[in-house]
Amino acid sequence: MTEPQHTFTFAFDLPFIRRALRRDRNEAVLKIVAIYAIVTPLLVWLMGADSGLFYGILGGGFVATVTFVISTFHKGGKHVHQIWQQQSPSGTIRYELDDAGYTVQMDNASSRHEWQGLRRLWQYPDVWLIEIIKNQSTFFPADAASPEIQDYIRERCRVGGAKV
């Protein structure tokens, strides 16, 4: 591992985790909407269905799926916060960024991720999601980092091949 180019410490709390999960949830809901937008006309065409019951079943399935996703992410906030508190009783996370990747350091745990293997950088004003693998992201407090650090992360993700 090379010497970190940038380091900063972030104090996490439940509102930050909920904001991050809400952003992640919104991406999941958009995927569900896209799938239904593609599948519904296809099913109607294949089945020749034109009854209200058929559309009712499809609509009910859509509502149930979105409701499940939203409630799962809502419940997940407290669970993630509890896990983070166990891993870092001080309530802080230290990010160490270097040219090869980044380390997320907590009091009792750490993880290392290489820029080369990342999938995507989702950028929101308050939180960034650095997608490691499908449906697994590092939450990054963009509003707590300097513009220099934000630019560094963007550039490293681009060079590593992640969608920015």
C-alpha atoms as a PDB file:
ATOM      1  CA  MET A   1       0.000   0.000   0.000  1.00  0.00           C
ATOM      2  CA  THR A   2       1.294   3.448  -0.860  1.00  0.00           C
ATOM      3  CA  GLU A   3       1.315   6.462   1.417  1.00  0.00           C
ATOM      4  CA  PRO A   4      -2.143   8.119   1.583  1.00  0.00           C
ATOM      5  CA  GLN A   5      -2.541  11.187  -0.619  1.00  0.00           C
ATOM      6  CA  HIS A   6      -5.532  12.379   1.405  1.00  0.00           C
ATOM      7  CA  THR A   7      -6.984  11.466   4.776  1.00  0.00           C
ATOM      8  CA  PHE A   8      -9.916  12.776   6.717  1.00  0.00           C
ATOM      9  CA  THR A   9     -12.047  11.661   9.621  1.00  0.00           C
ATOM     10  CA  PHE A  10     -15.817  11.775   9.578  1.00  0.00           C
ATOM     11  CA  ALA A  11     -18.188  11.519  12.556  1.00  0.00           C
ATOM     12  CA  PHE A  12     -21.126   9.380  11.471  1.00  0.00           C
ATOM     13  CA  ASP A  13     -24.625   9.497  12.897  1.00  0.00           C
ATOM     14  CA  LEU A  14     -28.016   7.921  12.210  1.00  0.00           C
ATOM     15  CA  PRO A  15     -29.259  10.830  10.019  1.00  0.00           C
ATOM     16  CA  PHE A  16     -26.214  10.456   7.718  1.00  0.00           C
ATOM     17  CA  ILE A  17     -26.763   6.699   7.409  1.00  0.00           C
ATOM     18  CA  ARG A  18     -30.457   7.216   6.658  1.00  0.00           C
ATOM     19  CA  ARG A  19     -29.644   9.813   3.975  1.00  0.00           C
ATOM     20  CA  ALA A  20     -27.132   7.423   2.406  1.00  0.00           C
ATOM     21  CA  LEU A  21     -29.566   4.506   2.457  1.00  0.00           C
ATOM     22  CA  ARG A  22     -32.326   6.736   1.044  1.00  0.00           C
ATOM     23  CA  ARG A  23     -30.077   7.542  -1.925  1.00  0.00           C
ATOM     24  CA  ASP A  24     -29.320   3.830  -2.358  1.00  0.00           C
ATOM     25  CA  ARG A  25     -33.042   3.013  -2.042  1.00  0.00           C
ATOM     26  CA  ASN A  26     -33.962   5.570  -4.687  1.00  0.00           C
ATOM     27  CA  GLU A  27     -31.649   3.830  -7.150  1.00  0.00           C
ATOM     28  CA  ALA A  28     -33.365   0.497  -6.362  1.00  0.00           C
ATOM     29  CA  VAL A  29     -36.843   2.000  -6.853  1.00  0.00           C
ATOM     30  CA  LEU A  30     -35.800   3.502 -10.202  1.00  0.00           C
ATOM     31  CA  LYS A  31     -34.623   0.069 -11.339  1.00  0.00           C
ATOM     32  CA  ILE A  32     -37.994  -1.449 -10.326  1.00  0.00           C
ATOM     33  CA  VAL A  33     -39.889   1.250 -12.249  1.00  0.00           C
ATOM     34  CA  ALA A  34     -37.726   0.626 -15.328  1.00  0.00           C
ATOM     35  CA  ILE A  35     -38.291  -3.133 -15.137  1.00  0.00           C
ATOM     36  CA  TYR A  36     -42.068  -2.707 -14.823  1.00  0.00           C
ATOM     37  CA  ALA A  37     -42.083  -0.184 -17.682  1.00  0.00           C
ATOM     38  CA  ILE A  38     -40.415  -2.772 -19.910  1.00  0.00           C
ATOM     39  CA  VAL A  39     -42.163  -5.915 -18.667  1.00  0.00           C
ATOM     40  CA  THR A  40     -45.779  -4.656 -18.514  1.00  0.00           C
ATOM     41  CA  PRO A  41     -46.220  -3.899 -22.247  1.00  0.00           C
ATOM     42  CA  LEU A  42     -44.417  -7.131 -23.083  1.00  0.00           C
ATOM     43  CA  LEU A  43     -46.749  -9.176 -20.868  1.00  0.00           C
ATOM     44  CA  VAL A  44     -49.805  -7.419 -22.257  1.00  0.00           C
ATOM     45  CA  TRP A  45     -48.643  -8.123 -25.806  1.00  0.00           C
ATOM     46  CA  LEU A  46     -47.716 -11.762 -25.098  1.00  0.00           C
ATOM     47  CA  MET A  47     -50.891 -12.597 -23.175  1.00  0.00           C
ATOM     48  CA  GLY A  48     -53.236 -10.412 -25.130  1.00  0.00           C
ATOM     49  CA  ALA A  49     -54.603  -9.366 -21.769  1.00  0.00           C
ATOM     50  CA  ASP A  50     -56.973  -6.481 -21.764  1.00  0.00           C
ATOM     51  CA  SER A  51     -58.921  -7.133 -18.571  1.00  0.00           C
ATOM     52  CA  GLY A  52     -58.953  -4.836 -15.564  1.00  0.00           C
ATOM     53  CA  LEU A  53     -58.065  -7.805 -13.349  1.00  0.00           C
ATOM     54  CA  PHE A  54     -54.776  -8.318 -15.205  1.00  0.00           C
ATOM     55  CA  TYR A  55     -53.831  -4.648 -14.834  1.00  0.00           C
ATOM     56  CA  GLY A  56     -54.911  -4.754 -11.195  1.00  0.00           C
ATOM     57  CA  ILE A  57     -52.604  -7.686 -10.521  1.00  0.00           C
ATOM     58  CA  LEU A  58     -49.699  -5.947 -12.262  1.00  0.00           C
ATOM     59  CA  GLY A  59     -50.359  -2.688 -10.399  1.00  0.00           C
ATOM     60  CA  GLY A  60     -50.690  -4.480  -7.074  1.00  0.00           C
ATOM     61  CA  GLY A  61     -47.424  -6.306  -7.694  1.00  0.00           C
ATOM     62  CA  PHE A  62     -45.707  -3.024  -8.501  1.00  0.00           C
ATOM     63  CA  VAL A  63     -47.013  -1.310  -5.342  1.00  0.00           C
ATOM     64  CA  ALA A  64     -46.090  -4.318  -3.179  1.00  0.00           C
ATOM     65  CA  THR A  65     -42.556  -4.468  -4.614  1.00  0.00           C
ATOM     66  CA  VAL A  66     -41.876  -0.740  -4.134  1.00  0.00           C
ATOM     67  CA  THR A  67     -43.356  -0.829  -0.607  1.00  0.00           C
ATOM     68  CA  PHE A  68     -41.149  -3.792   0.303  1.00  0.00           C
ATOM     69  CA  VAL A  69     -38.006  -2.060  -0.976  1.00  0.00           C
ATOM     70  CA  ILE A  70     -38.785   1.193   0.850  1.00  0.00           C
ATOM     71  CA  SER A  71     -39.567  -0.546   4.159  1.00  0.00           C
ATOM     72  CA  THR A  72     -36.459  -2.734   3.912  1.00  0.00           C
ATOM     73  CA  PHE A  73     -34.195   0.283   3.459  1.00  0.00           C
ATOM     74  CA  HIS A  74     -35.978   2.200   6.252  1.00  0.00           C
ATOM     75  CA  LYS A  75     -35.432  -0.633   8.718  1.00  0.00           C
ATOM     76  CA  GLY A  76     -31.869  -1.031   7.489  1.00  0.00           C
ATOM     77  CA  GLY A  77     -30.806   2.429   8.735  1.00  0.00           C
ATOM     78  CA  LYS A  78     -30.951   1.496  12.411  1.00  0.00           C
ATOM     79  CA  HIS A  79     -29.315  -1.854  11.709  1.00  0.00           C
ATOM     80  CA  VAL A  80     -26.408  -0.286   9.787  1.00  0.00           C
ATOM     81  CA  HIS A  81     -26.013   2.341  12.530  1.00  0.00           C
ATOM     82  CA  GLN A  82     -25.800  -0.397  15.184  1.00  0.00           C
ATOM     83  CA  ILE A  83     -23.181  -2.277  13.166  1.00  0.00           C
ATOM     84  CA  TRP A  84     -21.139   0.887  12.644  1.00  0.00           C
ATOM     85  CA  GLN A  85     -21.338   1.684  16.376  1.00  0.00           C
ATOM     86  CA  GLN A  86     -19.985  -1.785  17.171  1.00  0.00           C
ATOM     87  CA  GLN A  87     -17.194  -1.406  14.630  1.00  0.00           C
ATOM     88  CA  SER A  88     -16.372   2.158  15.675  1.00  0.00           C
ATOM     89  CA  PRO A  89     -17.533   3.019  19.228  1.00  0.00           C
ATOM     90  CA  SER A  90     -15.919   6.462  18.897  1.00  0.00           C
ATOM     91  CA  GLY A  91     -18.480   7.249  16.170  1.00  0.00           C
ATOM     92  CA  THR A  92     -15.854   8.102  13.578  1.00  0.00           C
ATOM     93  CA  ILE A  93     -14.629   6.722  10.294  1.00  0.00           C
ATOM     94  CA  ARG A  94     -11.244   7.586   8.809  1.00  0.00           C
ATOM     95  CA  TYR A  95     -10.866   7.578   5.030  1.00  0.00           C
ATOM     96  CA  GLU A  96      -7.366   7.141   3.606  1.00  0.00           C
ATOM     97  CA  LEU A  97      -7.092   7.766  -0.135  1.00  0.00           C
ATOM     98  CA  ASP A  98      -4.073   6.898  -2.263  1.00  0.00           C
ATOM     99  CA  ASP A  99      -3.378   6.332  -5.956  1.00  0.00           C
ATOM    100  CA  ALA A 100      -4.146   2.593  -5.772  1.00  0.00           C
ATOM    101  CA  GLY A 101      -7.354   2.742  -3.729  1.00  0.00           C
ATOM    102  CA  TYR A 102      -8.883   3.773  -0.440  1.00  0.00           C
ATOM    103  CA  THR A 103      -9.155   2.399   3.072  1.00  0.00           C
ATOM    104  CA  VAL A 104     -12.143   2.891   5.336  1.00  0.00           C
ATOM    105  CA  GLN A 105     -10.808   2.657   8.894  1.00  0.00           C
ATOM    106  CA  MET A 106     -13.042   2.257  11.947  1.00  0.00           C
ATOM    107  CA  ASP A 107     -11.982   1.584  15.561  1.00  0.00           C
ATOM    108  CA  ASN A 108     -12.437  -2.194  15.300  1.00  0.00           C
ATOM    109  CA  ALA A 109     -12.616  -2.820  11.551  1.00  0.00           C
ATOM    110  CA  SER A 110     -11.265  -1.651   8.235  1.00  0.00           C
ATOM    111  CA  SER A 111     -11.802  -2.344   4.562  1.00  0.00           C
ATOM    112  CA  ARG A 112      -9.634  -1.687   1.534  1.00  0.00           C
ATOM    113  CA  HIS A 113     -10.916  -1.118  -1.998  1.00  0.00           C
ATOM    114  CA  GLU A 114      -8.873  -0.605  -5.157  1.00  0.00           C
ATOM    115  CA  TRP A 115      -9.952   2.068  -7.646  1.00  0.00           C
ATOM    116  CA  GLN A 116      -9.436  -0.441 -10.446  1.00  0.00           C
ATOM    117  CA  GLY A 117     -12.242  -2.735  -9.252  1.00  0.00           C
ATOM    118  CA  LEU A 118     -14.995  -0.180  -8.614  1.00  0.00           C
ATOM    119  CA  ARG A 119     -18.189  -0.140 -10.671  1.00  0.00           C
ATOM    120  CA  ARG A 120     -19.655   3.341 -10.288  1.00  0.00           C
ATOM    121  CA  LEU A 121     -19.574   6.611  -8.372  1.00  0.00           C
ATOM    122  CA  TRP A 122     -23.037   7.940  -7.538  1.00  0.00           C
ATOM    123  CA  GLN A 123     -22.764  11.644  -6.602  1.00  0.00           C
ATOM    124  CA  TYR A 124     -25.349  13.470  -4.526  1.00  0.00           C
ATOM    125  CA  PRO A 125     -24.829  16.783  -2.689  1.00  0.00           C
ATOM    126  CA  ASP A 126     -24.735  15.218   0.783  1.00  0.00           C
ATOM    127  CA  VAL A 127     -23.466  11.695   0.190  1.00  0.00           C
ATOM    128  CA  TRP A 128     -21.655   9.735  -2.495  1.00  0.00           C
ATOM    129  CA  LEU A 129     -22.062   6.016  -3.052  1.00  0.00           C
ATOM    130  CA  ILE A 130     -18.933   4.332  -4.320  1.00  0.00           C
ATOM    131  CA  GLU A 131     -20.275   1.087  -5.790  1.00  0.00           C
ATOM    132  CA  ILE A 132     -17.867  -1.754  -5.093  1.00  0.00           C
ATOM    133  CA  ILE A 133     -19.940  -4.597  -6.497  1.00  0.00           C
ATOM    134  CA  LYS A 134     -23.572  -4.732  -7.501  1.00  0.00           C
ATOM    135  CA  ASN A 135     -25.737  -3.702  -4.519  1.00  0.00           C
ATOM    136  CA  GLN A 136     -22.749  -2.980  -2.249  1.00  0.00           C
ATOM    137  CA  SER A 137     -21.435   0.530  -1.821  1.00  0.00           C
ATOM    138  CA  THR A 138     -19.194   2.561   0.416  1.00  0.00           C
ATOM    139  CA  PHE A 139     -21.018   5.588   1.793  1.00  0.00           C
ATOM    140  CA  PHE A 140     -18.844   8.651   1.425  1.00  0.00           C
ATOM    141  CA  PRO A 141     -19.783  11.955   3.123  1.00  0.00           C
ATOM    142  CA  ALA A 142     -19.139  14.280   0.191  1.00  0.00           C
ATOM    143  CA  ASP A 143     -20.355  17.360   2.044  1.00  0.00           C
ATOM    144  CA  ALA A 144     -17.714  16.703   4.749  1.00  0.00           C
ATOM    145  CA  ALA A 145     -14.807  16.480   2.284  1.00  0.00           C
ATOM    146  CA  SER A 146     -12.915  19.326   0.685  1.00  0.00           C
ATOM    147  CA  PRO A 147     -13.376  20.043  -3.036  1.00  0.00           C
ATOM    148  CA  GLU A 148      -9.784  18.837  -3.541  1.00  0.00           C
ATOM    149  CA  ILE A 149     -10.652  15.427  -2.046  1.00  0.00           C
ATOM    150  CA  GLN A 150     -13.866  15.241  -4.095  1.00  0.00           C
ATOM    151  CA  ASP A 151     -11.926  15.967  -7.303  1.00  0.00           C
ATOM    152  CA  TYR A 152      -9.324  13.355  -6.338  1.00  0.00           C
ATOM    153  CA  ILE A 153     -12.012  10.681  -5.836  1.00  0.00           C
ATOM    154  CA  ARG A 154     -13.698  11.528  -9.145  1.00  0.00           C
ATOM    155  CA  GLU A 155     -10.405  11.338 -11.008  1.00  0.00           C
ATOM    156  CA  ARG A 156      -9.308   8.080  -9.351  1.00  0.00           C
ATOM    157  CA  CYS A 157     -12.684   6.491 -10.133  1.00  0.00           C
ATOM    158  CA  ARG A 158     -12.435   7.580 -13.791  1.00  0.00           C
ATOM    159  CA  VAL A 159      -8.875   6.287 -14.118  1.00  0.00           C
ATOM    160  CA  GLY A 160      -9.908   3.011 -12.455  1.00  0.00           C
ATOM    161  CA  GLY A 161     -12.700   2.501 -14.973  1.00  0.00           C
ATOM    162  CA  ALA A 162     -15.748   3.238 -12.776  1.00  0.00           C
ATOM    163  CA  LYS A 163     -18.691   5.130 -14.273  1.00  0.00           C
ATOM    164  CA  VAL A 164     -18.782   8.653 -12.864  1.00  0.00           C
END
